[in-house]
Amino acid sequence: MNRRYFLSSSIALGALAAVSRLSLVNAASFLADGKRSKATSKRIKKVIKTDAEWKRILTREQYNVTRQKGTEAPFSSPLNDIHEQGIFECVACELPLFSSKAKFDSGTGWPSFYEPIAKENVREQVDNSLSETRTEVLCARCDSHAGHVFEDGPKPTGLRYCMNGVALKFVKS
């Protein structure tokens, strides 16, 4: 299935759920007896802060990338040179986003991964800010912009999560 078609279909489905004021996750998480199923155990609690709070906890560059959807200069991130075992967390809320096991050198100048640590930890949305349509990657907990995902990555997924190093924090295992 075409990734862009899937994303646009997902957006339409999400809009339909919002209009009906019925969350698909909540609807699917209740069993016939009214008890919650395990579907909600992976649900991520949102972190919501004011603009002033984000500015207090993030550096100017981190704020520009994560909150204003900026991009750091290629080959400027020290995370490019990290080859140790560990986890790459969201710099804003510390949600684990990528494992060093999925990291690879894409030659693009930004830390790249072929998959997130858990699919529910990232959120994807269509980005039409340039002349081409891209898929933006955001932290599922705090909605921080992390980078973009492209369909030119290595096996096993064929995906390249091209992340801004300034949006991530490395935690050594």
C-alpha atoms as a PDB file:
ATOM      1  CA  MET A   1       0.000   0.000   0.000  1.00  0.00           C
ATOM      2  CA  ASN A   2       1.314   3.422  -0.854  1.00  0.00           C
ATOM      3  CA  ARG A   3       2.535   5.177   2.335  1.00  0.00           C
ATOM      4  CA  ARG A   4       1.051   8.554   1.334  1.00  0.00           C
ATOM      5  CA  TYR A   5      -2.330   6.984   0.523  1.00  0.00           C
ATOM      6  CA  PHE A   6      -2.240   5.227   3.889  1.00  0.00           C
ATOM      7  CA  LEU A   7      -1.443   8.493   5.700  1.00  0.00           C
ATOM      8  CA  SER A   8      -4.205  10.443   3.936  1.00  0.00           C
ATOM      9  CA  SER A   9      -6.671   7.643   4.657  1.00  0.00           C
ATOM     10  CA  SER A  10      -5.600   7.642   8.299  1.00  0.00           C
ATOM     11  CA  ILE A  11      -6.085  11.400   8.535  1.00  0.00           C
ATOM     12  CA  ALA A  12      -9.579  11.102   7.061  1.00  0.00           C
ATOM     13  CA  LEU A  13     -10.422   8.322   9.503  1.00  0.00           C
ATOM     14  CA  GLY A  14      -9.080  10.400  12.397  1.00  0.00           C
ATOM     15  CA  ALA A  15     -11.191  13.374  11.340  1.00  0.00           C
ATOM     16  CA  LEU A  16     -14.277  11.167  11.196  1.00  0.00           C
ATOM     17  CA  ALA A  17     -13.564   9.905  14.720  1.00  0.00           C
ATOM     18  CA  ALA A  18     -13.100  13.461  16.003  1.00  0.00           C
ATOM     19  CA  VAL A  19     -16.348  14.613  14.409  1.00  0.00           C
ATOM     20  CA  SER A  20     -18.251  11.782  15.998  1.00  0.00           C
ATOM     21  CA  ARG A  21     -16.528  12.572  19.332  1.00  0.00           C
ATOM     22  CA  LEU A  22     -15.669   8.918  19.666  1.00  0.00           C
ATOM     23  CA  SER A  23     -12.045   8.014  20.098  1.00  0.00           C
ATOM     24  CA  LEU A  24     -11.261   4.870  18.119  1.00  0.00           C
ATOM     25  CA  VAL A  25      -8.753   3.773  20.752  1.00  0.00           C
ATOM     26  CA  ASN A  26     -11.250   4.171  23.576  1.00  0.00           C
ATOM     27  CA  ALA A  27     -14.038   2.502  21.608  1.00  0.00           C
ATOM     28  CA  ALA A  28     -11.847  -0.473  20.801  1.00  0.00           C
ATOM     29  CA  SER A  29     -10.498  -0.746  24.334  1.00  0.00           C
ATOM     30  CA  PHE A  30     -13.822  -1.627  25.971  1.00  0.00           C
ATOM     31  CA  LEU A  31     -14.980  -5.222  26.048  1.00  0.00           C
ATOM     32  CA  ALA A  32     -18.614  -6.307  25.971  1.00  0.00           C
ATOM     33  CA  ASP A  33     -18.729  -6.399  29.788  1.00  0.00           C
ATOM     34  CA  GLY A  34     -17.642  -2.748  30.013  1.00  0.00           C
ATOM     35  CA  LYS A  35     -14.100  -3.482  31.224  1.00  0.00           C
ATOM     36  CA  ARG A  36     -11.069  -2.033  29.481  1.00  0.00           C
ATOM     37  CA  SER A  37      -8.950  -4.325  27.326  1.00  0.00           C
ATOM     38  CA  LYS A  38      -5.146  -4.268  27.227  1.00  0.00           C
ATOM     39  CA  ALA A  39      -5.302  -1.913  24.221  1.00  0.00           C
ATOM     40  CA  THR A  40      -5.034   1.083  26.551  1.00  0.00           C
ATOM     41  CA  SER A  41      -1.929  -0.192  28.357  1.00  0.00           C
ATOM     42  CA  LYS A  42       0.267   1.154  25.542  1.00  0.00           C
ATOM     43  CA  ARG A  43      -1.502   4.519  25.516  1.00  0.00           C
ATOM     44  CA  ILE A  44       0.880   7.394  26.019  1.00  0.00           C
ATOM     45  CA  LYS A  45      -0.096  10.201  28.357  1.00  0.00           C
ATOM     46  CA  LYS A  46       0.390  13.577  26.645  1.00  0.00           C
ATOM     47  CA  VAL A  47       2.772  16.204  27.997  1.00  0.00           C
ATOM     48  CA  ILE A  48       1.333  19.660  27.407  1.00  0.00           C
ATOM     49  CA  LYS A  49       3.256  22.819  28.270  1.00  0.00           C
ATOM     50  CA  THR A  50       2.884  26.466  27.427  1.00  0.00           C
ATOM     51  CA  ASP A  51       5.220  28.103  24.957  1.00  0.00           C
ATOM     52  CA  ALA A  52       6.928  29.884  27.868  1.00  0.00           C
ATOM     53  CA  GLU A  53       7.492  26.567  29.684  1.00  0.00           C
ATOM     54  CA  TRP A  54       9.060  24.986  26.573  1.00  0.00           C
ATOM     55  CA  LYS A  55      11.339  28.013  26.185  1.00  0.00           C
ATOM     56  CA  ARG A  56      12.496  27.620  29.809  1.00  0.00           C
ATOM     57  CA  ILE A  57      13.414  23.930  29.538  1.00  0.00           C
ATOM     58  CA  LEU A  58      14.829  23.801  25.996  1.00  0.00           C
ATOM     59  CA  THR A  59      17.850  25.524  24.486  1.00  0.00           C
ATOM     60  CA  ARG A  60      17.178  28.027  21.716  1.00  0.00           C
ATOM     61  CA  GLU A  61      18.178  25.460  19.055  1.00  0.00           C
ATOM     62  CA  GLN A  62      16.127  22.674  20.672  1.00  0.00           C
ATOM     63  CA  TYR A  63      13.108  24.972  20.838  1.00  0.00           C
ATOM     64  CA  ASN A  64      13.525  25.986  17.184  1.00  0.00           C
ATOM     65  CA  VAL A  65      13.611  22.369  16.007  1.00  0.00           C
ATOM     66  CA  THR A  66      11.121  20.697  18.358  1.00  0.00           C
ATOM     67  CA  ARG A  67       8.495  23.414  18.725  1.00  0.00           C
ATOM     68  CA  GLN A  68       8.900  25.443  15.511  1.00  0.00           C
ATOM     69  CA  LYS A  69       9.710  22.512  13.188  1.00  0.00           C
ATOM     70  CA  GLY A  70      13.177  23.802  12.343  1.00  0.00           C
ATOM     71  CA  THR A  71      16.092  21.764  11.003  1.00  0.00           C
ATOM     72  CA  GLU A  72      19.619  21.643  12.323  1.00  0.00           C
ATOM     73  CA  ALA A  73      22.537  21.923   9.913  1.00  0.00           C
ATOM     74  CA  PRO A  74      23.619  18.584   8.391  1.00  0.00           C
ATOM     75  CA  PHE A  75      26.696  16.928   9.946  1.00  0.00           C
ATOM     76  CA  SER A  76      26.419  19.221  13.005  1.00  0.00           C
ATOM     77  CA  SER A  77      25.031  16.698  15.499  1.00  0.00           C
ATOM     78  CA  PRO A  78      27.385  14.831  17.826  1.00  0.00           C
ATOM     79  CA  LEU A  79      24.789  12.025  17.775  1.00  0.00           C
ATOM     80  CA  ASN A  80      26.034  11.102  14.282  1.00  0.00           C
ATOM     81  CA  ASP A  81      29.207   9.740  15.881  1.00  0.00           C
ATOM     82  CA  ILE A  82      27.542   7.685  18.615  1.00  0.00           C
ATOM     83  CA  HIS A  83      27.963   3.957  18.006  1.00  0.00           C
ATOM     84  CA  GLU A  84      27.427   2.711  21.564  1.00  0.00           C
ATOM     85  CA  GLN A  85      24.435   0.735  22.804  1.00  0.00           C
ATOM     86  CA  GLY A  86      21.641   2.856  24.185  1.00  0.00           C
ATOM     87  CA  ILE A  87      18.396   4.680  23.631  1.00  0.00           C
ATOM     88  CA  PHE A  88      17.680   7.960  21.854  1.00  0.00           C
ATOM     89  CA  GLU A  89      14.982   9.821  23.806  1.00  0.00           C
ATOM     90  CA  CYS A  90      12.911  12.892  22.998  1.00  0.00           C
ATOM     91  CA  VAL A  91      14.905  15.866  24.313  1.00  0.00           C
ATOM     92  CA  ALA A  92      11.709  17.570  25.523  1.00  0.00           C
ATOM     93  CA  CYS A  93       9.936  14.784  27.443  1.00  0.00           C
ATOM     94  CA  GLU A  94      12.401  11.849  27.571  1.00  0.00           C
ATOM     95  CA  LEU A  95      10.113   9.374  25.786  1.00  0.00           C
ATOM     96  CA  PRO A  96      12.295   6.628  24.230  1.00  0.00           C
ATOM     97  CA  LEU A  97      12.049   7.056  20.444  1.00  0.00           C
ATOM     98  CA  PHE A  98      14.865   5.027  18.850  1.00  0.00           C
ATOM     99  CA  SER A  99      17.297   2.283  19.791  1.00  0.00           C
ATOM    100  CA  SER A 100      20.950   2.368  18.798  1.00  0.00           C
ATOM    101  CA  LYS A 101      20.320  -1.098  17.320  1.00  0.00           C
ATOM    102  CA  ALA A 102      18.237   0.525  14.551  1.00  0.00           C
ATOM    103  CA  LYS A 103      20.735   3.339  13.869  1.00  0.00           C
ATOM    104  CA  PHE A 104      22.635   3.412  10.575  1.00  0.00           C
ATOM    105  CA  ASP A 105      24.829   5.833   8.636  1.00  0.00           C
ATOM    106  CA  SER A 106      22.633   7.220   5.865  1.00  0.00           C
ATOM    107  CA  GLY A 107      25.287   9.664   4.649  1.00  0.00           C
ATOM    108  CA  THR A 108      22.750  12.506   4.915  1.00  0.00           C
ATOM    109  CA  GLY A 109      24.337  14.259   7.892  1.00  0.00           C
ATOM    110  CA  TRP A 110      21.515  13.537  10.337  1.00  0.00           C
ATOM    111  CA  PRO A 111      21.136  10.589  12.751  1.00  0.00           C
ATOM    112  CA  SER A 112      19.120   7.944  10.915  1.00  0.00           C
ATOM    113  CA  PHE A 113      17.191   4.890  12.073  1.00  0.00           C
ATOM    114  CA  TYR A 114      15.278   2.200  10.185  1.00  0.00           C
ATOM    115  CA  GLU A 115      12.518   1.933  12.819  1.00  0.00           C
ATOM    116  CA  PRO A 116      11.338   3.579  16.059  1.00  0.00           C
ATOM    117  CA  ILE A 117      11.799   1.785  19.365  1.00  0.00           C
ATOM    118  CA  ALA A 118       7.995   1.353  19.486  1.00  0.00           C
ATOM    119  CA  LYS A 119       5.581   2.463  16.778  1.00  0.00           C
ATOM    120  CA  GLU A 120       3.264   4.059  19.342  1.00  0.00           C
ATOM    121  CA  ASN A 121       6.102   6.326  20.586  1.00  0.00           C
ATOM    122  CA  VAL A 122       6.156   8.327  17.359  1.00  0.00           C
ATOM    123  CA  ARG A 123       3.402  10.061  15.471  1.00  0.00           C
ATOM    124  CA  GLU A 124       3.521  10.731  11.740  1.00  0.00           C
ATOM    125  CA  GLN A 125       1.742  13.430   9.790  1.00  0.00           C
ATOM    126  CA  VAL A 126       1.818  14.831   6.275  1.00  0.00           C
ATOM    127  CA  ASP A 127       4.189  17.789   5.826  1.00  0.00           C
ATOM    128  CA  ASN A 128       3.575  20.043   2.815  1.00  0.00           C
ATOM    129  CA  SER A 129       5.910  22.844   3.954  1.00  0.00           C
ATOM    130  CA  LEU A 130       8.259  22.373   0.980  1.00  0.00           C
ATOM    131  CA  SER A 131       7.600  21.747  -2.689  1.00  0.00           C
ATOM    132  CA  GLU A 132       7.497  17.998  -2.001  1.00  0.00           C
ATOM    133  CA  THR A 133       5.179  16.140   0.339  1.00  0.00           C
ATOM    134  CA  ARG A 134       7.051  14.545   3.218  1.00  0.00           C
ATOM    135  CA  THR A 135       6.097  12.565   6.301  1.00  0.00           C
ATOM    136  CA  GLU A 136       6.931  14.386   9.514  1.00  0.00           C
ATOM    137  CA  VAL A 137       7.873  12.419  12.642  1.00  0.00           C
ATOM    138  CA  LEU A 138       6.763  13.758  16.028  1.00  0.00           C
ATOM    139  CA  CYS A 139       7.128  12.525  19.585  1.00  0.00           C
ATOM    140  CA  ALA A 140       3.821  10.904  20.535  1.00  0.00           C
ATOM    141  CA  ARG A 141       3.989  12.249  24.094  1.00  0.00           C
ATOM    142  CA  CYS A 142       4.791  15.961  23.615  1.00  0.00           C
ATOM    143  CA  ASP A 143       4.336  16.489  19.854  1.00  0.00           C
ATOM    144  CA  SER A 144       7.934  17.644  19.424  1.00  0.00           C
ATOM    145  CA  HIS A 145       9.106  17.701  15.821  1.00  0.00           C
ATOM    146  CA  ALA A 146      11.963  15.190  15.497  1.00  0.00           C
ATOM    147  CA  GLY A 147      12.471  14.902  11.734  1.00  0.00           C
ATOM    148  CA  HIS A 148      11.033  13.077   8.727  1.00  0.00           C
ATOM    149  CA  VAL A 149      10.706   9.497   7.514  1.00  0.00           C
ATOM    150  CA  PHE A 150      11.519   8.464   3.951  1.00  0.00           C
ATOM    151  CA  GLU A 151      11.085   5.220   2.002  1.00  0.00           C
ATOM    152  CA  ASP A 152      14.742   4.854   1.010  1.00  0.00           C
ATOM    153  CA  GLY A 153      16.148   3.116   4.075  1.00  0.00           C
ATOM    154  CA  PRO A 154      17.786  -0.270   4.589  1.00  0.00           C
ATOM    155  CA  LYS A 155      16.193  -3.633   5.278  1.00  0.00           C
ATOM    156  CA  PRO A 156      14.263  -4.863   7.147  1.00  0.00           C
ATOM    157  CA  THR A 157      11.847  -1.887   6.936  1.00  0.00           C
ATOM    158  CA  GLY A 158      13.076   0.079   3.925  1.00  0.00           C
ATOM    159  CA  LEU A 159      12.482   3.237   5.962  1.00  0.00           C
ATOM    160  CA  ARG A 160      14.881   6.049   6.913  1.00  0.00           C
ATOM    161  CA  TYR A 161      13.872   7.999   9.973  1.00  0.00           C
ATOM    162  CA  CYS A 162      16.046  11.073   9.399  1.00  0.00           C
ATOM    163  CA  MET A 163      16.108  12.831  12.773  1.00  0.00           C
ATOM    164  CA  ASN A 164      17.436  16.129  14.032  1.00  0.00           C
ATOM    165  CA  GLY A 165      20.075  15.256  16.617  1.00  0.00           C
ATOM    166  CA  VAL A 166      19.135  18.321  18.666  1.00  0.00           C
ATOM    167  CA  ALA A 167      15.644  16.808  19.135  1.00  0.00           C
ATOM    168  CA  LEU A 168      17.118  13.667  20.696  1.00  0.00           C
ATOM    169  CA  LYS A 169      19.050  12.817  23.832  1.00  0.00           C
ATOM    170  CA  PHE A 170      21.266   9.698  23.969  1.00  0.00           C
ATOM    171  CA  VAL A 171      21.102   7.521  27.083  1.00  0.00           C
ATOM    172  CA  LYS A 172      23.861   4.921  27.197  1.00  0.00           C
ATOM    173  CA  SER A 173      22.861   1.361  28.183  1.00  0.00           C
END
